[in-house]
Amino acid sequence: MKLDNTVIAITGGARGLGLAMARRLGGQGARLALMDMDGDTLDSAVSALHAEGLEARGFVVNVADEASVTQAFRDIASSLGPIHGLVNNAGIVRDGLLVKAREGKVEKTLPLAQWQQVIDVNLTGVFLCGREASVQMIEAGHHGVIVNISSISRAGNMGQSNYAAAKAGVVALTTTWATELARYGIRVGAVAPGFIETDMTAAMRQDMLDKLTAGVPLKRLGQPEDIAESVAFIMSNDYFTGRVVECDGGLRL
């Protein structure tokens, strides 16, 4: 799909990976609908993109809330027109071991609330936004692309029962939707990032960061632009669907 003058929605688009994706896709002529929880951060991101000559608008949304999602997609269609592409990027982490015990006595378990928060945003949010995007594309009668952001952790990662389960589910949605939506001219792909240089990794202790980086064959963290490039590849390659681009520096958990 050629991105010039298309409408591309990006969840979690006001910062980090989402903002890097916006810059990359906007640079190819896409008109950007940034979706995020924080209105102030959205305003800052939109202003920054405008200063770079890119067209963008912000839409406050809670991707885990059905009413919020449906309203946001209506607002996008009203102000920019029906979308041609969606990047399901919004996500959170609430890490914790399933069970923590010492000398045979359980001290702590992963709370249901932490499980549910991550599933709600990282999996249900992908479902809700993917559904609404598909409706718009089909009713507008044009081809489209959905890109879901999974993770290297989809294979399982200690302390991330909730996150790993959600990101594995994202891949299952990707392959399912690719089959279901192909008849409407909608392609669906996923990107599975490894460890990327973001605000989250910047807050880590240096010794932990060094240990993390040492395990990556390329001996460095990825950059947000690396993931943005992977998203742009899926958007532009008209024979790509139902598959996952792994962008992880060669790391396998």
Protein backbone atom coordinates (compact mmCIF):
# COMPACT_ATOMS: atom_id res chain seq x y z
CA MET A 1 0.00 0.00 0.00
CA LYS A 2 1.30 3.42 -0.92
CA LEU A 3 1.00 5.60 2.15
CA ASP A 4 0.69 9.01 0.50
CA ASN A 5 -2.56 10.64 1.66
CA THR A 6 -3.72 7.56 3.58
CA VAL A 7 -5.14 7.82 7.09
CA ILE A 8 -3.10 5.78 9.57
CA ALA A 9 -4.14 5.37 13.22
CA ILE A 10 -1.51 4.51 15.84
CA THR A 11 -2.45 3.52 19.38
CA GLY A 12 0.04 4.55 22.04
CA GLY A 13 1.14 7.04 19.40
CA ALA A 14 2.15 9.97 21.58
CA ARG A 15 5.55 8.70 22.71
CA GLY A 16 8.26 6.08 22.33
CA LEU A 17 7.72 3.47 19.67
CA GLY A 18 4.38 4.93 18.61
CA LEU A 19 5.82 8.38 17.96
CA ALA A 20 8.73 6.88 16.01
CA MET A 21 6.20 4.99 13.87
CA ALA A 22 4.26 8.21 13.33
CA ARG A 23 7.38 9.99 12.09
CA ARG A 24 8.26 7.11 9.77
CA LEU A 25 4.80 6.69 8.26
CA GLY A 26 4.11 10.42 8.18
CA GLY A 27 7.36 10.88 6.28
CA GLN A 28 5.85 8.69 3.56
CA GLY A 29 2.83 10.96 3.28
CA ALA A 30 0.41 9.34 5.73
CA ARG A 31 -2.09 11.51 7.59
CA LEU A 32 -1.71 10.49 11.21
CA ALA A 33 -4.33 9.81 13.87
CA LEU A 34 -2.44 9.48 17.15
CA MET A 35 -4.40 7.66 19.85
CA ASP A 36 -3.33 7.81 23.48
CA MET A 37 -4.63 8.13 27.05
CA ASP A 38 -2.85 11.38 27.94
CA GLY A 39 -4.21 14.49 26.24
CA ASP A 40 -1.25 16.70 27.17
CA THR A 41 1.28 14.21 25.79
CA LEU A 42 -0.83 13.88 22.67
CA ASP A 43 -0.83 17.66 22.19
CA SER A 44 2.97 17.75 22.52
CA ALA A 45 3.42 14.92 20.03
CA VAL A 46 1.07 16.49 17.49
CA SER A 47 2.85 19.85 17.83
CA ALA A 48 6.23 18.18 17.30
CA LEU A 49 5.00 16.40 14.18
CA HIS A 50 3.47 19.59 12.80
CA ALA A 51 6.82 21.33 13.31
CA GLU A 52 8.37 18.63 11.12
CA GLY A 53 5.81 19.26 8.38
CA LEU A 54 3.70 16.15 9.08
CA GLU A 55 -0.09 16.06 9.28
CA ALA A 56 -1.33 14.66 12.59
CA ARG A 57 -4.25 14.87 14.98
CA GLY A 58 -4.59 13.52 18.50
CA PHE A 59 -7.46 11.43 19.87
CA VAL A 60 -7.77 10.60 23.56
CA VAL A 61 -8.80 6.98 23.99
CA ASN A 62 -8.69 4.14 26.48
CA VAL A 63 -8.11 1.11 24.24
CA ALA A 64 -9.44 -1.24 26.94
CA ASP A 65 -12.84 0.47 26.97
CA GLU A 66 -15.24 -0.43 24.16
CA ALA A 67 -17.21 2.82 24.21
CA SER A 68 -14.02 4.89 24.20
CA VAL A 69 -12.62 2.96 21.24
CA THR A 70 -15.76 3.13 19.12
CA GLN A 71 -16.09 6.87 19.76
CA ALA A 72 -12.44 7.51 18.90
CA PHE A 73 -12.76 5.70 15.58
CA ARG A 74 -15.91 7.68 14.79
CA ASP A 75 -14.03 10.88 15.57
CA ILE A 76 -11.13 9.88 13.32
CA ALA A 77 -13.48 9.15 10.42
CA SER A 78 -15.30 12.45 10.93
CA SER A 79 -12.15 14.57 10.99
CA LEU A 80 -9.74 12.72 8.70
CA GLY A 81 -11.87 10.21 6.82
CA PRO A 82 -12.04 6.39 7.12
CA ILE A 83 -8.71 4.86 8.04
CA HIS A 84 -6.53 2.85 5.67
CA GLY A 85 -4.16 1.50 8.30
CA LEU A 86 -3.92 0.79 12.02
CA VAL A 87 -0.93 0.10 14.23
CA ASN A 88 -1.95 -1.58 17.50
CA ASN A 89 0.98 -0.38 19.58
CA ALA A 90 -0.51 0.60 22.97
CA GLY A 91 0.72 -1.61 25.80
CA ILE A 92 1.59 -1.76 29.48
CA VAL A 93 3.60 -4.02 31.78
CA ARG A 94 2.73 -5.15 35.30
CA ASP A 95 5.46 -7.69 35.93
CA GLY A 96 5.52 -10.22 38.73
CA LEU A 97 6.20 -13.89 39.42
CA LEU A 98 3.21 -16.20 39.38
CA VAL A 99 4.19 -17.42 42.85
CA LYS A 100 7.02 -16.25 45.11
CA ALA A 101 7.97 -18.60 47.93
CA ARG A 102 10.74 -18.99 50.47
CA GLU A 103 11.52 -22.22 52.32
CA GLY A 104 8.26 -23.80 51.25
CA LYS A 105 6.09 -20.87 52.31
CA VAL A 106 4.34 -18.76 49.66
CA GLU A 107 4.97 -15.08 50.28
CA LYS A 108 3.28 -13.54 47.27
CA THR A 109 1.29 -14.41 44.16
CA LEU A 110 0.57 -12.46 41.00
CA PRO A 111 -2.61 -10.44 41.72
CA LEU A 112 -5.58 -10.92 39.45
CA ALA A 113 -5.76 -7.14 39.02
CA GLN A 114 -2.25 -7.07 37.50
CA TRP A 115 -3.13 -9.94 35.19
CA GLN A 116 -6.35 -8.28 34.08
CA GLN A 117 -4.85 -4.82 33.51
CA VAL A 118 -2.31 -6.18 31.05
CA ILE A 119 -4.78 -8.45 29.26
CA ASP A 120 -7.27 -5.58 28.99
CA VAL A 121 -4.83 -3.17 27.34
CA ASN A 122 -2.46 -5.48 25.47
CA LEU A 123 -4.96 -8.00 24.12
CA THR A 124 -8.52 -6.74 24.46
CA GLY A 125 -7.37 -3.33 23.24
CA VAL A 126 -5.91 -4.92 20.11
CA PHE A 127 -9.18 -6.77 19.53
CA LEU A 128 -11.36 -3.67 19.94
CA CYS A 129 -9.22 -1.41 17.76
CA GLY A 130 -8.71 -4.09 15.12
CA ARG A 131 -12.45 -4.68 14.94
CA GLU A 132 -13.32 -1.00 14.54
CA ALA A 133 -10.55 -0.46 11.99
CA SER A 134 -11.83 -3.41 9.93
CA VAL A 135 -15.37 -2.04 9.97
CA GLN A 136 -14.18 1.31 8.62
CA MET A 137 -12.03 -0.22 5.91
CA ILE A 138 -14.76 -2.58 4.72
CA GLU A 139 -17.52 0.04 4.72
CA ALA A 140 -15.25 2.54 2.94
CA GLY A 141 -14.58 -0.07 0.27
CA HIS A 142 -10.82 0.33 0.25
CA HIS A 143 -7.92 -2.00 0.98
CA GLY A 144 -6.16 -1.63 4.31
CA VAL A 145 -3.50 -2.89 6.68
CA ILE A 146 -3.47 -3.71 10.39
CA VAL A 147 -0.12 -4.09 12.15
CA ASN A 148 -0.16 -5.56 15.65
CA ILE A 149 2.81 -5.08 17.96
CA SER A 150 3.69 -8.32 19.74
CA SER A 151 6.98 -8.98 21.57
CA ILE A 152 9.89 -11.35 21.89
CA SER A 153 8.25 -12.22 25.23
CA ARG A 154 5.40 -13.98 23.41
CA ALA A 155 7.48 -17.16 23.72
CA GLY A 156 7.36 -16.82 27.51
CA ASN A 157 9.49 -14.74 29.85
CA MET A 158 10.05 -15.11 33.59
CA GLY A 159 7.99 -12.68 35.61
CA GLN A 160 5.70 -11.83 32.70
CA SER A 161 2.83 -14.32 32.73
CA ASN A 162 0.34 -11.60 31.83
CA TYR A 163 2.46 -9.81 29.23
CA ALA A 164 3.67 -13.02 27.55
CA ALA A 165 0.14 -14.42 27.34
CA ALA A 166 -1.19 -11.18 25.85
CA LYS A 167 1.60 -10.89 23.29
CA ALA A 168 1.17 -14.53 22.24
CA GLY A 169 -2.53 -13.80 21.86
CA VAL A 170 -1.70 -10.84 19.63
CA VAL A 171 0.08 -13.19 17.22
CA ALA A 172 -2.91 -15.55 17.25
CA LEU A 173 -5.20 -12.63 16.40
CA THR A 174 -2.86 -11.62 13.60
CA THR A 175 -2.93 -14.99 11.84
CA THR A 176 -6.68 -15.38 12.40
CA TRP A 177 -7.54 -11.94 11.08
CA ALA A 178 -5.22 -12.32 8.08
CA THR A 179 -7.31 -15.31 6.98
CA GLU A 180 -10.68 -13.75 7.79
CA LEU A 181 -10.05 -10.31 6.31
CA ALA A 182 -8.15 -11.17 3.13
CA ARG A 183 -11.44 -11.39 1.21
CA TYR A 184 -11.97 -7.68 1.93
CA GLY A 185 -8.49 -6.68 0.81
CA ILE A 186 -7.22 -6.18 4.36
CA ARG A 187 -3.77 -7.46 5.26
CA VAL A 188 -2.72 -8.13 8.86
CA GLY A 189 0.83 -8.50 10.13
CA ALA A 190 2.73 -8.28 13.40
CA VAL A 191 6.08 -7.02 14.63
CA ALA A 192 7.77 -8.68 17.59
CA PRO A 193 10.36 -6.28 19.05
CA GLY A 194 13.20 -7.41 21.24
CA PHE A 195 14.69 -5.08 23.84
CA ILE A 196 14.38 -1.53 22.55
CA GLU A 197 15.87 1.70 23.89
CA THR A 198 12.84 3.42 25.43
CA ASP A 199 11.97 5.35 28.60
CA MET A 200 11.48 2.01 30.34
CA THR A 201 15.00 0.75 29.59
CA ALA A 202 16.46 4.19 30.31
CA ALA A 203 15.15 3.89 33.88
CA MET A 204 16.97 0.59 34.48
CA ARG A 205 20.11 0.32 36.61
CA GLN A 206 23.23 0.32 34.46
CA ASP A 207 24.36 -3.13 35.64
CA MET A 208 20.99 -4.61 34.69
CA LEU A 209 21.08 -2.82 31.35
CA ASP A 210 24.59 -4.12 30.64
CA LYS A 211 23.49 -7.68 31.43
CA LEU A 212 20.49 -7.32 29.17
CA THR A 213 22.54 -5.95 26.29
CA ALA A 214 25.21 -8.66 26.67
CA GLY A 215 22.63 -11.32 25.79
CA VAL A 216 21.79 -9.71 22.44
CA PRO A 217 23.95 -11.08 19.59
CA LEU A 218 24.29 -7.57 18.12
CA LYS A 219 25.41 -6.36 21.60
CA ARG A 220 23.10 -3.34 21.67
CA LEU A 221 19.50 -2.43 22.25
CA GLY A 222 17.29 -1.70 19.29
CA GLN A 223 16.12 1.79 18.48
CA PRO A 224 12.48 2.86 18.13
CA GLU A 225 13.25 3.64 14.49
CA ASP A 226 14.10 -0.04 13.92
CA ILE A 227 10.58 -1.02 14.91
CA ALA A 228 9.09 1.83 12.89
CA GLU A 229 10.96 0.54 9.83
CA SER A 230 9.49 -2.93 10.39
CA VAL A 231 5.98 -1.48 10.58
CA ALA A 232 6.57 0.52 7.39
CA PHE A 233 7.71 -2.67 5.63
CA ILE A 234 4.47 -4.47 6.46
CA MET A 235 2.41 -1.45 5.43
CA SER A 236 4.10 -1.16 2.04
CA ASN A 237 4.55 -4.83 1.06
CA ASP A 238 1.28 -5.90 -0.55
CA TYR A 239 2.11 -9.62 -0.39
CA PHE A 240 2.80 -9.68 3.35
CA THR A 241 0.04 -10.96 5.61
CA GLY A 242 -0.47 -13.37 8.50
CA ARG A 243 3.18 -13.35 9.54
CA VAL A 244 5.42 -11.84 12.22
CA VAL A 245 8.50 -9.69 11.63
CA GLU A 246 10.96 -10.39 14.45
CA CYS A 247 13.15 -7.37 15.13
CA ASP A 248 15.22 -8.41 18.13
CA GLY A 249 18.91 -8.23 17.27
CA GLY A 250 19.01 -12.02 17.00
CA LEU A 251 17.99 -12.58 20.64
CA ARG A 252 15.88 -15.60 21.55
CA LEU A 253 14.39 -15.83 25.03
